[in-house]
Amino acid sequence: MAEKIMTRHPQGKQGVNIDRDKYDAIKSAILETIDTKQTVTFKDLTTTVNDRLRSTFDGGVTWYVVTVKLDLEAQGLIERVPKSSPQILRLTRKHD
């Protein structure tokens, strides 16, 4: 059975249980995309991650991007640029 991880939400809402392997793949793609581009709109992030993973990923990439992005915000690894519309994301500190 696959190892699961309970995600968090930046507003304290209920997270979801997802496979650790899927979480790790999406997390890595999100952090690398933002690190490379410095800032990225949510739409560009989902497009980039989808293009990168869709041929090898089992499941709806966009749903996982939303879920993992919220968890990364809750952890303080990424943040929304205040007052940005459309939503723009950036790293808050270096990741490993």
N, C-alpha and C. Protein backbone atom coordinates (compact mmCIF):
# COMPACT_ATOMS: atom_id res chain seq x y z
N MET A 1 0.84 -1.18 0.00
CA MET A 1 0.00 0.00 0.00
C MET A 1 0.88 1.24 0.00
N ALA A 2 0.50 2.24 -0.77
CA ALA A 2 1.28 3.47 -0.90
C ALA A 2 1.23 4.30 0.38
N GLU A 3 2.36 4.91 0.72
CA GLU A 3 2.40 5.80 1.87
C GLU A 3 1.58 7.05 1.56
N LYS A 4 0.85 7.54 2.54
CA LYS A 4 0.00 8.72 2.37
C LYS A 4 0.55 9.90 3.16
N ILE A 5 0.16 11.09 2.75
CA ILE A 5 0.52 12.31 3.46
C ILE A 5 -0.74 13.16 3.59
N MET A 6 -0.94 13.74 4.76
CA MET A 6 -2.08 14.63 4.98
C MET A 6 -1.61 16.05 4.68
N THR A 7 -2.24 16.67 3.70
CA THR A 7 -1.86 18.03 3.34
C THR A 7 -2.50 19.03 4.29
N ARG A 8 -1.98 20.24 4.26
CA ARG A 8 -2.53 21.31 5.08
C ARG A 8 -3.06 22.41 4.17
N HIS A 9 -3.79 23.32 4.78
CA HIS A 9 -4.38 24.44 4.05
C HIS A 9 -3.94 25.72 4.75
N PRO A 10 -3.55 26.77 4.00
CA PRO A 10 -3.06 27.99 4.64
C PRO A 10 -4.10 28.70 5.51
N GLN A 11 -5.37 28.43 5.31
CA GLN A 11 -6.42 29.06 6.11
C GLN A 11 -6.94 28.12 7.19
N GLY A 12 -6.22 27.03 7.45
CA GLY A 12 -6.61 26.11 8.50
C GLY A 12 -7.74 25.16 8.15
N LYS A 13 -8.16 25.16 6.90
CA LYS A 13 -9.24 24.26 6.47
C LYS A 13 -8.71 22.82 6.42
N GLN A 14 -9.62 21.89 6.29
CA GLN A 14 -9.29 20.47 6.22
C GLN A 14 -8.40 20.18 5.01
N GLY A 15 -7.30 19.45 5.23
CA GLY A 15 -6.44 19.01 4.13
C GLY A 15 -6.97 17.70 3.57
N VAL A 16 -6.21 17.11 2.67
CA VAL A 16 -6.60 15.83 2.08
C VAL A 16 -5.43 14.86 2.18
N ASN A 17 -5.76 13.57 2.20
CA ASN A 17 -4.77 12.50 2.21
C ASN A 17 -4.42 12.13 0.77
N ILE A 18 -3.15 12.24 0.41
CA ILE A 18 -2.74 11.85 -0.94
C ILE A 18 -1.49 10.99 -0.87
N ASP A 19 -1.21 10.25 -1.94
CA ASP A 19 -0.02 9.41 -2.01
C ASP A 19 1.23 10.27 -1.91
N ARG A 20 2.17 9.83 -1.08
CA ARG A 20 3.42 10.57 -0.90
C ARG A 20 4.18 10.70 -2.22
N ASP A 21 4.21 9.66 -3.05
CA ASP A 21 4.94 9.73 -4.32
C ASP A 21 4.37 10.82 -5.23
N LYS A 22 3.05 10.92 -5.28
CA LYS A 22 2.41 11.95 -6.11
C LYS A 22 2.69 13.33 -5.52
N TYR A 23 2.57 13.43 -4.19
CA TYR A 23 2.86 14.70 -3.51
C TYR A 23 4.29 15.15 -3.84
N ASP A 24 5.24 14.25 -3.69
CA ASP A 24 6.65 14.60 -3.91
C ASP A 24 6.92 15.03 -5.36
N ALA A 25 6.30 14.34 -6.32
CA ALA A 25 6.49 14.69 -7.73
C ALA A 25 5.94 16.09 -8.02
N ILE A 26 4.74 16.38 -7.52
CA ILE A 26 4.12 17.69 -7.75
C ILE A 26 4.89 18.77 -7.00
N LYS A 27 5.27 18.51 -5.75
CA LYS A 27 6.03 19.48 -4.96
C LYS A 27 7.32 19.86 -5.66
N SER A 28 8.05 18.87 -6.12
CA SER A 28 9.31 19.13 -6.82
C SER A 28 9.09 19.97 -8.07
N ALA A 29 8.08 19.63 -8.85
CA ALA A 29 7.79 20.38 -10.08
C ALA A 29 7.37 21.83 -9.76
N ILE A 30 6.57 22.02 -8.72
CA ILE A 30 6.14 23.37 -8.34
C ILE A 30 7.34 24.20 -7.90
N LEU A 31 8.15 23.66 -6.99
CA LEU A 31 9.28 24.43 -6.46
C LEU A 31 10.31 24.74 -7.54
N GLU A 32 10.58 23.77 -8.41
CA GLU A 32 11.54 24.01 -9.49
C GLU A 32 11.02 25.06 -10.47
N THR A 33 9.74 25.02 -10.77
CA THR A 33 9.15 26.00 -11.68
C THR A 33 9.25 27.40 -11.11
N ILE A 34 8.86 27.56 -9.85
CA ILE A 34 8.91 28.89 -9.23
C ILE A 34 10.35 29.35 -9.06
N ASP A 35 11.24 28.45 -8.69
CA ASP A 35 12.65 28.80 -8.52
C ASP A 35 13.25 29.29 -9.84
N THR A 36 12.90 28.63 -10.92
CA THR A 36 13.43 29.01 -12.24
C THR A 36 12.87 30.34 -12.71
N LYS A 37 11.58 30.55 -12.51
CA LYS A 37 10.92 31.75 -13.03
C LYS A 37 10.87 32.92 -12.04
N GLN A 38 11.25 32.69 -10.79
CA GLN A 38 11.20 33.68 -9.70
C GLN A 38 9.77 33.96 -9.24
N THR A 39 8.91 34.39 -10.15
CA THR A 39 7.48 34.53 -9.87
C THR A 39 6.73 33.89 -11.03
N VAL A 40 5.55 33.38 -10.73
CA VAL A 40 4.78 32.71 -11.76
C VAL A 40 3.29 32.85 -11.43
N THR A 41 2.48 33.06 -12.46
CA THR A 41 1.04 33.08 -12.22
C THR A 41 0.58 31.65 -11.95
N PHE A 42 -0.52 31.54 -11.25
CA PHE A 42 -1.06 30.21 -10.97
C PHE A 42 -1.36 29.47 -12.27
N LYS A 43 -1.90 30.17 -13.25
CA LYS A 43 -2.22 29.54 -14.54
C LYS A 43 -0.96 29.00 -15.21
N ASP A 44 0.11 29.80 -15.24
CA ASP A 44 1.37 29.34 -15.84
C ASP A 44 1.97 28.17 -15.06
N LEU A 45 1.83 28.21 -13.74
CA LEU A 45 2.34 27.12 -12.91
C LEU A 45 1.63 25.81 -13.26
N THR A 46 0.31 25.83 -13.33
CA THR A 46 -0.42 24.60 -13.63
C THR A 46 -0.10 24.10 -15.04
N THR A 47 0.04 25.02 -15.98
CA THR A 47 0.38 24.63 -17.35
C THR A 47 1.76 23.98 -17.40
N THR A 48 2.74 24.62 -16.75
CA THR A 48 4.11 24.11 -16.77
C THR A 48 4.21 22.74 -16.10
N VAL A 49 3.60 22.60 -14.93
CA VAL A 49 3.65 21.32 -14.22
C VAL A 49 2.90 20.24 -15.01
N ASN A 50 1.77 20.58 -15.58
CA ASN A 50 1.01 19.63 -16.38
C ASN A 50 1.83 19.16 -17.58
N ASP A 51 2.46 20.10 -18.29
CA ASP A 51 3.28 19.74 -19.45
C ASP A 51 4.43 18.82 -19.05
N ARG A 52 4.98 19.08 -17.88
CA ARG A 52 6.14 18.32 -17.41
C ARG A 52 5.76 16.90 -16.96
N LEU A 53 4.60 16.74 -16.35
CA LEU A 53 4.27 15.46 -15.71
C LEU A 53 3.19 14.63 -16.38
N ARG A 54 2.42 15.20 -17.26
CA ARG A 54 1.21 14.50 -17.74
C ARG A 54 1.48 13.14 -18.37
N SER A 55 2.64 12.95 -19.00
CA SER A 55 2.89 11.65 -19.65
C SER A 55 3.25 10.56 -18.65
N THR A 56 3.66 10.93 -17.44
CA THR A 56 4.07 9.92 -16.46
C THR A 56 3.24 9.93 -15.18
N PHE A 57 2.31 10.86 -15.07
CA PHE A 57 1.56 11.04 -13.82
C PHE A 57 0.19 10.40 -13.93
N ASP A 58 -0.16 9.59 -12.93
CA ASP A 58 -1.46 8.94 -12.90
C ASP A 58 -2.41 9.76 -12.04
N GLY A 59 -3.30 10.50 -12.69
CA GLY A 59 -4.24 11.34 -11.96
C GLY A 59 -4.35 12.71 -12.58
N GLY A 60 -5.22 13.52 -12.03
CA GLY A 60 -5.44 14.88 -12.53
C GLY A 60 -4.37 15.82 -12.01
N VAL A 61 -3.42 16.16 -12.85
CA VAL A 61 -2.29 17.00 -12.44
C VAL A 61 -2.77 18.31 -11.84
N THR A 62 -3.73 18.96 -12.46
CA THR A 62 -4.18 20.26 -11.97
C THR A 62 -4.73 20.17 -10.55
N TRP A 63 -5.52 19.14 -10.25
CA TRP A 63 -6.05 18.97 -8.89
C TRP A 63 -4.91 18.83 -7.89
N TYR A 64 -3.90 18.04 -8.24
CA TYR A 64 -2.76 17.85 -7.35
C TYR A 64 -1.96 19.14 -7.20
N VAL A 65 -1.82 19.91 -8.27
CA VAL A 65 -1.11 21.20 -8.17
C VAL A 65 -1.81 22.10 -7.16
N VAL A 66 -3.13 22.20 -7.25
CA VAL A 66 -3.89 23.03 -6.31
C VAL A 66 -3.66 22.55 -4.87
N THR A 67 -3.80 21.26 -4.65
CA THR A 67 -3.68 20.68 -3.31
C THR A 67 -2.28 20.88 -2.73
N VAL A 68 -1.26 20.57 -3.51
CA VAL A 68 0.12 20.69 -3.02
C VAL A 68 0.51 22.15 -2.88
N LYS A 69 0.06 23.00 -3.79
CA LYS A 69 0.35 24.44 -3.68
C LYS A 69 -0.18 24.99 -2.36
N LEU A 70 -1.40 24.63 -2.01
CA LEU A 70 -1.97 25.09 -0.74
C LEU A 70 -1.15 24.58 0.45
N ASP A 71 -0.69 23.33 0.38
CA ASP A 71 0.13 22.77 1.45
C ASP A 71 1.46 23.52 1.55
N LEU A 72 2.07 23.84 0.42
CA LEU A 72 3.35 24.57 0.42
C LEU A 72 3.16 25.98 0.97
N GLU A 73 2.01 26.59 0.71
CA GLU A 73 1.69 27.89 1.31
C GLU A 73 1.55 27.74 2.82
N ALA A 74 0.87 26.70 3.28
CA ALA A 74 0.68 26.47 4.71
C ALA A 74 2.02 26.24 5.42
N GLN A 75 2.96 25.63 4.72
CA GLN A 75 4.30 25.39 5.28
C GLN A 75 5.18 26.64 5.24
N GLY A 76 4.76 27.64 4.48
CA GLY A 76 5.56 28.85 4.35
C GLY A 76 6.68 28.76 3.33
N LEU A 77 6.63 27.77 2.44
CA LEU A 77 7.65 27.63 1.40
C LEU A 77 7.39 28.53 0.20
N ILE A 78 6.12 28.74 -0.10
CA ILE A 78 5.74 29.65 -1.18
C ILE A 78 4.68 30.60 -0.65
N GLU A 79 4.50 31.71 -1.37
CA GLU A 79 3.47 32.66 -0.97
C GLU A 79 2.86 33.31 -2.20
N ARG A 80 1.66 33.81 -2.01
CA ARG A 80 1.00 34.61 -3.03
C ARG A 80 1.52 36.03 -2.91
N VAL A 81 1.85 36.64 -4.03
CA VAL A 81 2.26 38.04 -4.01
C VAL A 81 1.03 38.85 -3.63
N PRO A 82 1.12 39.65 -2.57
CA PRO A 82 -0.06 40.42 -2.13
C PRO A 82 -0.63 41.31 -3.24
N LYS A 83 -1.93 41.36 -3.27
CA LYS A 83 -2.69 42.21 -4.20
C LYS A 83 -2.39 41.91 -5.66
N SER A 84 -1.99 40.69 -5.97
CA SER A 84 -1.74 40.34 -7.37
C SER A 84 -2.99 39.71 -7.98
N SER A 85 -3.29 40.13 -9.16
CA SER A 85 -4.41 39.56 -9.90
C SER A 85 -4.04 39.56 -11.38
N PRO A 86 -3.91 38.39 -11.98
CA PRO A 86 -4.16 37.06 -11.42
C PRO A 86 -3.13 36.69 -10.34
N GLN A 87 -3.44 35.64 -9.60
CA GLN A 87 -2.60 35.19 -8.50
C GLN A 87 -1.17 34.91 -8.98
N ILE A 88 -0.19 35.52 -8.31
CA ILE A 88 1.22 35.31 -8.61
C ILE A 88 1.87 34.67 -7.39
N LEU A 89 2.71 33.68 -7.64
CA LEU A 89 3.37 32.93 -6.58
C LEU A 89 4.87 33.13 -6.63
N ARG A 90 5.51 33.05 -5.45
CA ARG A 90 6.97 33.13 -5.36
C ARG A 90 7.42 32.30 -4.17
N LEU A 91 8.71 31.97 -4.16
CA LEU A 91 9.30 31.27 -3.02
C LEU A 91 9.46 32.23 -1.87
N THR A 92 9.33 31.73 -0.66
CA THR A 92 9.57 32.56 0.52
C THR A 92 10.95 32.31 1.10
N ARG A 93 11.46 31.10 0.89
CA ARG A 93 12.81 30.75 1.33
C ARG A 93 13.29 29.60 0.47
N LYS A 94 14.57 29.37 0.49
CA LYS A 94 15.12 28.29 -0.34
C LYS A 94 14.62 26.94 0.16
N HIS A 95 14.38 26.05 -0.79
CA HIS A 95 13.96 24.69 -0.46
C HIS A 95 15.13 23.76 -0.68
N ASP A 96 15.01 22.56 -0.14
CA ASP A 96 16.09 21.60 -0.34
C ASP A 96 15.70 20.51 -1.28
